[in-house]
PDB file of all heavy atoms in Angstrom:
ATOM      1  N   ARG A   1      97.414  90.155 100.628  1.00  0.00           N
ATOM      2  CA  ARG A   1      97.306  89.324  99.429  1.00  0.00           C
ATOM      3  C   ARG A   1      95.986  89.597  98.720  1.00  0.00           C
ATOM      4  O   ARG A   1      95.920  89.609  97.490  1.00  0.00           O
ATOM      5  CB  ARG A   1      97.422  87.845  99.785  1.00  0.00           C
ATOM      6  CG  ARG A   1      97.659  86.950  98.558  1.00  0.00           C
ATOM      7  CD  ARG A   1      97.731  85.492  98.942  1.00  0.00           C
ATOM      8  NE  ARG A   1      96.418  84.940  99.221  1.00  0.00           N
ATOM      9  CZ  ARG A   1      95.592  84.452  98.309  1.00  0.00           C
ATOM     10  NH1 ARG A   1      95.930  84.485  97.019  1.00  0.00           N
ATOM     11  NH2 ARG A   1      94.434  83.953  98.643  1.00  0.00           N
ATOM     12  N   THR A   2      94.914  89.777  99.497  1.00  0.00           N
ATOM     13  CA  THR A   2      93.606  90.132  98.957  1.00  0.00           C
ATOM     14  C   THR A   2      93.071  91.307  99.767  1.00  0.00           C
ATOM     15  O   THR A   2      93.760  91.849 100.634  1.00  0.00           O
ATOM     16  CB  THR A   2      92.626  88.944  99.030  1.00  0.00           C
ATOM     17  OG1 THR A   2      92.267  88.723 100.397  1.00  0.00           O
ATOM     18  CG2 THR A   2      93.258  87.668  98.459  1.00  0.00           C
ATOM     19  N   ASN A   3      91.836  91.678  99.523  1.00  0.00           N
ATOM     20  CA  ASN A   3      91.241  92.774 100.284  1.00  0.00           C
ATOM     21  C   ASN A   3      90.942  92.397 101.732  1.00  0.00           C
ATOM     22  O   ASN A   3      90.695  93.281 102.563  1.00  0.00           O
ATOM     23  CB  ASN A   3      89.955  93.245  99.604  1.00  0.00           C
ATOM     24  CG  ASN A   3      90.221  93.907  98.272  1.00  0.00           C
ATOM     25  OD1 ASN A   3      91.247  94.559  98.087  1.00  0.00           O
ATOM     26  ND2 ASN A   3      89.294  93.741  97.338  1.00  0.00           N
ATOM     27  N   THR A   4      90.969  91.117 102.040  1.00  0.00           N
ATOM     28  CA  THR A   4      90.668  90.672 103.404  1.00  0.00           C
ATOM     29  C   THR A   4      91.756  89.799 104.016  1.00  0.00           C
ATOM     30  O   THR A   4      91.748  89.577 105.228  1.00  0.00           O
ATOM     31  CB  THR A   4      89.343  89.886 103.430  1.00  0.00           C
ATOM     32  OG1 THR A   4      89.447  88.742 102.556  1.00  0.00           O
ATOM     33  CG2 THR A   4      88.175  90.762 102.986  1.00  0.00           C
ATOM     34  N   GLU A   5      92.682  89.298 103.222  1.00  0.00           N
ATOM     35  CA  GLU A   5      93.729  88.390 103.716  1.00  0.00           C
ATOM     36  C   GLU A   5      95.047  89.151 103.836  1.00  0.00           C
ATOM     37  O   GLU A   5      95.636  89.579 102.843  1.00  0.00           O
ATOM     38  CB  GLU A   5      93.883  87.193 102.784  1.00  0.00           C
ATOM     39  CG  GLU A   5      94.921  86.177 103.249  1.00  0.00           C
ATOM     40  CD  GLU A   5      95.096  85.052 102.244  1.00  0.00           C
ATOM     41  OE1 GLU A   5      94.088  84.634 101.618  1.00  0.00           O
ATOM     42  OE2 GLU A   5      96.242  84.604 102.057  1.00  0.00           O
ATOM     43  N   VAL A   6      95.520  89.290 105.066  1.00  0.00           N
ATOM     44  CA  VAL A   6      96.720  90.085 105.346  1.00  0.00           C
ATOM     45  C   VAL A   6      97.753  89.201 106.041  1.00  0.00           C
ATOM     46  O   VAL A   6      97.416  88.442 106.969  1.00  0.00           O
ATOM     47  CB  VAL A   6      96.368  91.295 106.236  1.00  0.00           C
ATOM     48  CG1 VAL A   6      97.630  92.058 106.637  1.00  0.00           C
ATOM     49  CG2 VAL A   6      95.387  92.212 105.522  1.00  0.00           C
ATOM     50  N   TRP A   7      99.021  89.300 105.598  1.00  0.00           N
ATOM     51  CA  TRP A   7     100.115  88.533 106.175  1.00  0.00           C
ATOM     52  C   TRP A   7     101.055  89.473 106.912  1.00  0.00           C
ATOM     53  O   TRP A   7     101.407  90.541 106.398  1.00  0.00           O
ATOM     54  CB  TRP A   7     100.876  87.779 105.097  1.00  0.00           C
ATOM     55  CG  TRP A   7     100.097  86.670 104.415  1.00  0.00           C
ATOM     56  CD1 TRP A   7      98.821  86.732 103.957  1.00  0.00           C
ATOM     57  CD2 TRP A   7     100.578  85.360 104.122  1.00  0.00           C
ATOM     58  NE1 TRP A   7      98.457  85.537 103.384  1.00  0.00           N
ATOM     59  CE2 TRP A   7      99.519  84.675 103.465  1.00  0.00           C
ATOM     60  CE3 TRP A   7     101.782  84.702 104.323  1.00  0.00           C
ATOM     61  CZ2 TRP A   7      99.653  83.366 103.019  1.00  0.00           C
ATOM     62  CZ3 TRP A   7     101.919  83.400 103.880  1.00  0.00           C
ATOM     63  CH2 TRP A   7     100.859  82.729 103.245  1.00  0.00           C
ATOM     64  N   VAL A   8     101.489  89.048 108.110  1.00  0.00           N
ATOM     65  CA  VAL A   8     102.391  89.843 108.947  1.00  0.00           C
ATOM     66  C   VAL A   8     103.569  88.972 109.362  1.00  0.00           C
ATOM     67  O   VAL A   8     103.377  87.857 109.866  1.00  0.00           O
ATOM     68  CB  VAL A   8     101.672  90.370 110.200  1.00  0.00           C
ATOM     69  CG1 VAL A   8     102.649  91.135 111.101  1.00  0.00           C
ATOM     70  CG2 VAL A   8     100.492  91.253 109.825  1.00  0.00           C
ATOM     71  N   THR A   9     104.795  89.460 109.152  1.00  0.00           N
ATOM     72  CA  THR A   9     105.983  88.734 109.605  1.00  0.00           C
ATOM     73  C   THR A   9     106.362  89.216 110.994  1.00  0.00           C
ATOM     74  O   THR A   9     106.454  90.411 111.247  1.00  0.00           O
ATOM     75  CB  THR A   9     107.174  88.937 108.642  1.00  0.00           C
ATOM     76  OG1 THR A   9     107.485  90.330 108.573  1.00  0.00           O
ATOM     77  CG2 THR A   9     106.843  88.434 107.258  1.00  0.00           C
ATOM     78  N   ASN A  10     106.594  88.257 111.897  1.00  0.00           N
ATOM     79  CA  ASN A  10     106.908  88.553 113.295  1.00  0.00           C
ATOM     80  C   ASN A  10     108.374  88.225 113.563  1.00  0.00           C
ATOM     81  O   ASN A  10     108.764  87.055 113.648  1.00  0.00           O
ATOM     82  CB  ASN A  10     106.003  87.730 114.212  1.00  0.00           C
ATOM     83  CG  ASN A  10     104.537  87.942 113.897  1.00  0.00           C
ATOM     84  OD1 ASN A  10     104.054  89.068 113.856  1.00  0.00           O
ATOM     85  ND2 ASN A  10     103.812  86.849 113.656  1.00  0.00           N
ATOM     86  N   PHE A  11     109.187  89.266 113.699  1.00  0.00           N
ATOM     87  CA  PHE A  11     110.633  89.124 113.786  1.00  0.00           C
ATOM     88  C   PHE A  11     111.060  88.290 114.991  1.00  0.00           C
ATOM     89  O   PHE A  11     111.917  87.416 114.879  1.00  0.00           O
ATOM     90  CB  PHE A  11     111.263  90.521 113.865  1.00  0.00           C
ATOM     91  CG  PHE A  11     112.762  90.552 113.903  1.00  0.00           C
ATOM     92  CD1 PHE A  11     113.498  90.529 112.723  1.00  0.00           C
ATOM     93  CD2 PHE A  11     113.440  90.620 115.104  1.00  0.00           C
ATOM     94  CE1 PHE A  11     114.882  90.565 112.758  1.00  0.00           C
ATOM     95  CE2 PHE A  11     114.821  90.654 115.140  1.00  0.00           C
ATOM     96  CZ  PHE A  11     115.555  90.626 113.963  1.00  0.00           C
ATOM     97  N   LEU A  12     110.490  88.553 116.147  1.00  0.00           N
ATOM     98  CA  LEU A  12     110.927  87.866 117.360  1.00  0.00           C
ATOM     99  C   LEU A  12     110.274  86.496 117.525  1.00  0.00           C
ATOM    100  O   LEU A  12     110.877  85.578 118.077  1.00  0.00           O
ATOM    101  CB  LEU A  12     110.629  88.739 118.586  1.00  0.00           C
ATOM    102  CG  LEU A  12     111.196  88.274 119.922  1.00  0.00           C
ATOM    103  CD1 LEU A  12     112.710  88.097 119.850  1.00  0.00           C
ATOM    104  CD2 LEU A  12     110.833  89.255 121.036  1.00  0.00           C
ATOM    105  N   SER A  13     109.065  86.337 117.033  1.00  0.00           N
ATOM    106  CA  SER A  13     108.359  85.062 117.171  1.00  0.00           C
ATOM    107  C   SER A  13     108.760  84.040 116.110  1.00  0.00           C
ATOM    108  O   SER A  13     108.343  82.878 116.189  1.00  0.00           O
ATOM    109  CB  SER A  13     106.843  85.287 117.093  1.00  0.00           C
ATOM    110  OG  SER A  13     106.388  86.028 118.195  1.00  0.00           O
ATOM    111  N   ASP A  14     109.546  84.470 115.095  1.00  0.00           N
ATOM    112  CA  ASP A  14     109.915  83.574 113.995  1.00  0.00           C
ATOM    113  C   ASP A  14     108.671  82.969 113.346  1.00  0.00           C
ATOM    114  O   ASP A  14     108.597  81.763 113.111  1.00  0.00           O
ATOM    115  CB  ASP A  14     110.840  82.440 114.481  1.00  0.00           C
ATOM    116  CG  ASP A  14     112.178  82.958 114.971  1.00  0.00           C
ATOM    117  OD1 ASP A  14     112.485  84.143 114.719  1.00  0.00           O
ATOM    118  OD2 ASP A  14     112.919  82.188 115.602  1.00  0.00           O
ATOM    119  N   SER A  15     107.700  83.825 113.080  1.00  0.00           N
ATOM    120  CA  SER A  15     106.438  83.320 112.551  1.00  0.00           C
ATOM    121  C   SER A  15     105.795  84.336 111.615  1.00  0.00           C
ATOM    122  O   SER A  15     106.238  85.479 111.506  1.00  0.00           O
ATOM    123  CB  SER A  15     105.470  83.003 113.698  1.00  0.00           C
ATOM    124  OG  SER A  15     105.091  84.194 114.368  1.00  0.00           O
ATOM    125  N   VAL A  16     104.741  83.887 110.951  1.00  0.00           N
ATOM    126  CA  VAL A  16     103.924  84.735 110.091  1.00  0.00           C
ATOM    127  C   VAL A  16     102.476  84.593 110.546  1.00  0.00           C
ATOM    128  O   VAL A  16     101.969  83.472 110.690  1.00  0.00           O
ATOM    129  CB  VAL A  16     104.059  84.341 108.609  1.00  0.00           C
ATOM    130  CG1 VAL A  16     103.104  85.163 107.752  1.00  0.00           C
ATOM    131  CG2 VAL A  16     105.490  84.523 108.130  1.00  0.00           C
ATOM    132  N   SER A  17     101.826  85.727 110.795  1.00  0.00           N
ATOM    133  CA  SER A  17     100.410  85.718 111.177  1.00  0.00           C
ATOM    134  C   SER A  17      99.564  86.062 109.958  1.00  0.00           C
ATOM    135  O   SER A  17      99.807  87.081 109.303  1.00  0.00           O
ATOM    136  CB  SER A  17     100.138  86.736 112.288  1.00  0.00           C
ATOM    137  OG  SER A  17     100.875  86.437 113.444  1.00  0.00           O
ATOM    138  N   ILE A  18      98.589  85.217 109.651  1.00  0.00           N
ATOM    139  CA  ILE A  18      97.642  85.489 108.571  1.00  0.00           C
ATOM    140  C   ILE A  18      96.357  85.999 109.216  1.00  0.00           C
ATOM    141  O   ILE A  18      95.742  85.306 110.033  1.00  0.00           O
ATOM    142  CB  ILE A  18      97.375  84.235 107.729  1.00  0.00           C
ATOM    143  CG1 ILE A  18      98.691  83.698 107.148  1.00  0.00           C
ATOM    144  CG2 ILE A  18      96.395  84.544 106.607  1.00  0.00           C
ATOM    145  CD1 ILE A  18      98.536  82.438 106.328  1.00  0.00           C
ATOM    146  N   VAL A  19      95.975  87.217 108.866  1.00  0.00           N
ATOM    147  CA  VAL A  19      94.861  87.892 109.516  1.00  0.00           C
ATOM    148  C   VAL A  19      93.706  88.046 108.530  1.00  0.00           C
ATOM    149  O   VAL A  19      93.904  88.475 107.395  1.00  0.00           O
ATOM    150  CB  VAL A  19      95.290  89.279 110.032  1.00  0.00           C
ATOM    151  CG1 VAL A  19      94.144  89.956 110.771  1.00  0.00           C
ATOM    152  CG2 VAL A  19      96.518  89.161 110.938  1.00  0.00           C
ATOM    153  N   ASP A  20      92.524  87.694 108.984  1.00  0.00           N
ATOM    154  CA  ASP A  20      91.303  87.918 108.207  1.00  0.00           C
ATOM    155  C   ASP A  20      90.705  89.240 108.674  1.00  0.00           C
ATOM    156  O   ASP A  20      90.089  89.320 109.735  1.00  0.00           O
ATOM    157  CB  ASP A  20      90.317  86.770 108.427  1.00  0.00           C
ATOM    158  CG  ASP A  20      89.046  86.924 107.594  1.00  0.00           C
ATOM    159  OD1 ASP A  20      88.918  87.938 106.870  1.00  0.00           O
ATOM    160  OD2 ASP A  20      88.174  86.039 107.678  1.00  0.00           O
ATOM    161  N   ILE A  21      90.921  90.304 107.891  1.00  0.00           N
ATOM    162  CA  ILE A  21      90.410  91.614 108.294  1.00  0.00           C
ATOM    163  C   ILE A  21      88.962  91.812 107.845  1.00  0.00           C
ATOM    164  O   ILE A  21      88.345  92.833 108.159  1.00  0.00           O
ATOM    165  CB  ILE A  21      91.293  92.752 107.751  1.00  0.00           C
ATOM    166  CG1 ILE A  21      91.240  92.798 106.218  1.00  0.00           C
ATOM    167  CG2 ILE A  21      92.722  92.608 108.239  1.00  0.00           C
ATOM    168  CD1 ILE A  21      91.934  94.020 105.635  1.00  0.00           C
ATOM    169  N   GLY A  22      88.417  90.834 107.103  1.00  0.00           N
ATOM    170  CA  GLY A  22      87.022  90.910 106.699  1.00  0.00           C
ATOM    171  C   GLY A  22      86.083  90.324 107.722  1.00  0.00           C
ATOM    172  O   GLY A  22      84.863  90.518 107.648  1.00  0.00           O
ATOM    173  N   ALA A  23      86.641  89.596 108.703  1.00  0.00           N
ATOM    174  CA  ALA A  23      85.812  88.994 109.751  1.00  0.00           C
ATOM    175  C   ALA A  23      85.410  90.063 110.761  1.00  0.00           C
ATOM    176  O   ALA A  23      85.975  91.150 110.812  1.00  0.00           O
ATOM    177  CB  ALA A  23      86.576  87.867 110.435  1.00  0.00           C
ATOM    178  N   SER A  24      84.426  89.734 111.581  1.00  0.00           N
ATOM    179  CA  SER A  24      83.967  90.656 112.616  1.00  0.00           C
ATOM    180  C   SER A  24      83.978  89.926 113.972  1.00  0.00           C
ATOM    181  O   SER A  24      83.111  89.097 114.247  1.00  0.00           O
ATOM    182  CB  SER A  24      82.554  91.155 112.303  1.00  0.00           C
ATOM    183  OG  SER A  24      82.136  92.086 113.270  1.00  0.00           O
ATOM    184  N   PRO A  25      84.975  90.209 114.812  1.00  0.00           N
ATOM    185  CA  PRO A  25      86.065  91.164 114.599  1.00  0.00           C
ATOM    186  C   PRO A  25      87.199  90.525 113.797  1.00  0.00           C
ATOM    187  O   PRO A  25      87.282  89.293 113.710  1.00  0.00           O
ATOM    188  CB  PRO A  25      86.508  91.480 116.023  1.00  0.00           C
ATOM    189  CG  PRO A  25      86.265  90.191 116.752  1.00  0.00           C
ATOM    190  CD  PRO A  25      85.002  89.626 116.175  1.00  0.00           C
ATOM    191  N   PRO A  26      88.095  91.338 113.214  1.00  0.00           N
ATOM    192  CA  PRO A  26      89.265  90.781 112.514  1.00  0.00           C
ATOM    193  C   PRO A  26      90.115  89.972 113.489  1.00  0.00           C
ATOM    194  O   PRO A  26      90.237  90.321 114.668  1.00  0.00           O
ATOM    195  CB  PRO A  26      90.005  92.036 112.031  1.00  0.00           C
ATOM    196  CG  PRO A  26      88.974  93.108 112.014  1.00  0.00           C
ATOM    197  CD  PRO A  26      88.047  92.804 113.149  1.00  0.00           C
ATOM    198  N   HIS A  27      90.714  88.888 113.004  1.00  0.00           N
ATOM    199  CA  HIS A  27      91.505  88.039 113.893  1.00  0.00           C
ATOM    200  C   HIS A  27      92.491  87.202 113.080  1.00  0.00           C
ATOM    201  O   HIS A  27      92.364  87.084 111.853  1.00  0.00           O
ATOM    202  CB  HIS A  27      90.590  87.118 114.712  1.00  0.00           C
ATOM    203  CG  HIS A  27      89.752  86.200 113.861  1.00  0.00           C
ATOM    204  ND1 HIS A  27      88.561  86.596 113.301  1.00  0.00           N
ATOM    205  CD2 HIS A  27      89.943  84.907 113.463  1.00  0.00           C
ATOM    206  CE1 HIS A  27      88.044  85.608 112.613  1.00  0.00           C
ATOM    207  NE2 HIS A  27      88.871  84.562 112.685  1.00  0.00           N
ATOM    208  N   VAL A  28      93.469  86.617 113.781  1.00  0.00           N
ATOM    209  CA  VAL A  28      94.459  85.736 113.165  1.00  0.00           C
ATOM    210  C   VAL A  28      93.801  84.384 112.902  1.00  0.00           C
ATOM    211  O   VAL A  28      93.229  83.769 113.809  1.00  0.00           O
ATOM    212  CB  VAL A  28      95.691  85.567 114.072  1.00  0.00           C
ATOM    213  CG1 VAL A  28      96.658  84.543 113.482  1.00  0.00           C
ATOM    214  CG2 VAL A  28      96.396  86.900 114.279  1.00  0.00           C
ATOM    215  N   VAL A  29      93.907  83.917 111.655  1.00  0.00           N
ATOM    216  CA  VAL A  29      93.293  82.637 111.293  1.00  0.00           C
ATOM    217  C   VAL A  29      94.329  81.530 111.115  1.00  0.00           C
ATOM    218  O   VAL A  29      93.972  80.350 111.097  1.00  0.00           O
ATOM    219  CB  VAL A  29      92.463  82.782 110.006  1.00  0.00           C
ATOM    220  CG1 VAL A  29      91.273  83.702 110.234  1.00  0.00           C
ATOM    221  CG2 VAL A  29      93.317  83.291 108.845  1.00  0.00           C
ATOM    222  N   ARG A  30      95.612  81.907 110.978  1.00  0.00           N
ATOM    223  CA  ARG A  30      96.645  80.882 110.798  1.00  0.00           C
ATOM    224  C   ARG A  30      97.999  81.474 111.172  1.00  0.00           C
ATOM    225  O   ARG A  30      98.266  82.656 110.919  1.00  0.00           O
ATOM    226  CB  ARG A  30      96.665  80.395 109.345  1.00  0.00           C
ATOM    227  CG  ARG A  30      97.589  79.199 109.073  1.00  0.00           C
ATOM    228  CD  ARG A  30      97.023  77.923 109.659  1.00  0.00           C
ATOM    229  NE  ARG A  30      97.925  76.803 109.558  1.00  0.00           N
ATOM    230  CZ  ARG A  30      97.932  75.916 108.535  1.00  0.00           C
ATOM    231  NH1 ARG A  30      97.066  76.054 107.542  1.00  0.00           N
ATOM    232  NH2 ARG A  30      98.774  74.898 108.539  1.00  0.00           N
ATOM    233  N   THR A  31      98.833  80.669 111.794  1.00  0.00           N
ATOM    234  CA  THR A  31     100.200  81.066 112.127  1.00  0.00           C
ATOM    235  C   THR A  31     101.167  80.089 111.465  1.00  0.00           C
ATOM    236  O   THR A  31     101.050  78.874 111.662  1.00  0.00           O
ATOM    237  CB  THR A  31     100.426  81.078 113.644  1.00  0.00           C
ATOM    238  OG1 THR A  31      99.546  82.032 114.245  1.00  0.00           O
ATOM    239  CG2 THR A  31     101.859  81.463 113.969  1.00  0.00           C
TER     240      THR A  31
END
């Protein structure tokens, strides 16, 4: 969505992971 906010759809988990790739280290910030 932005240069640091990335969304991933998880087929088996029935969820969406929102990843902050600008953080150190990058990590999931919301499910």
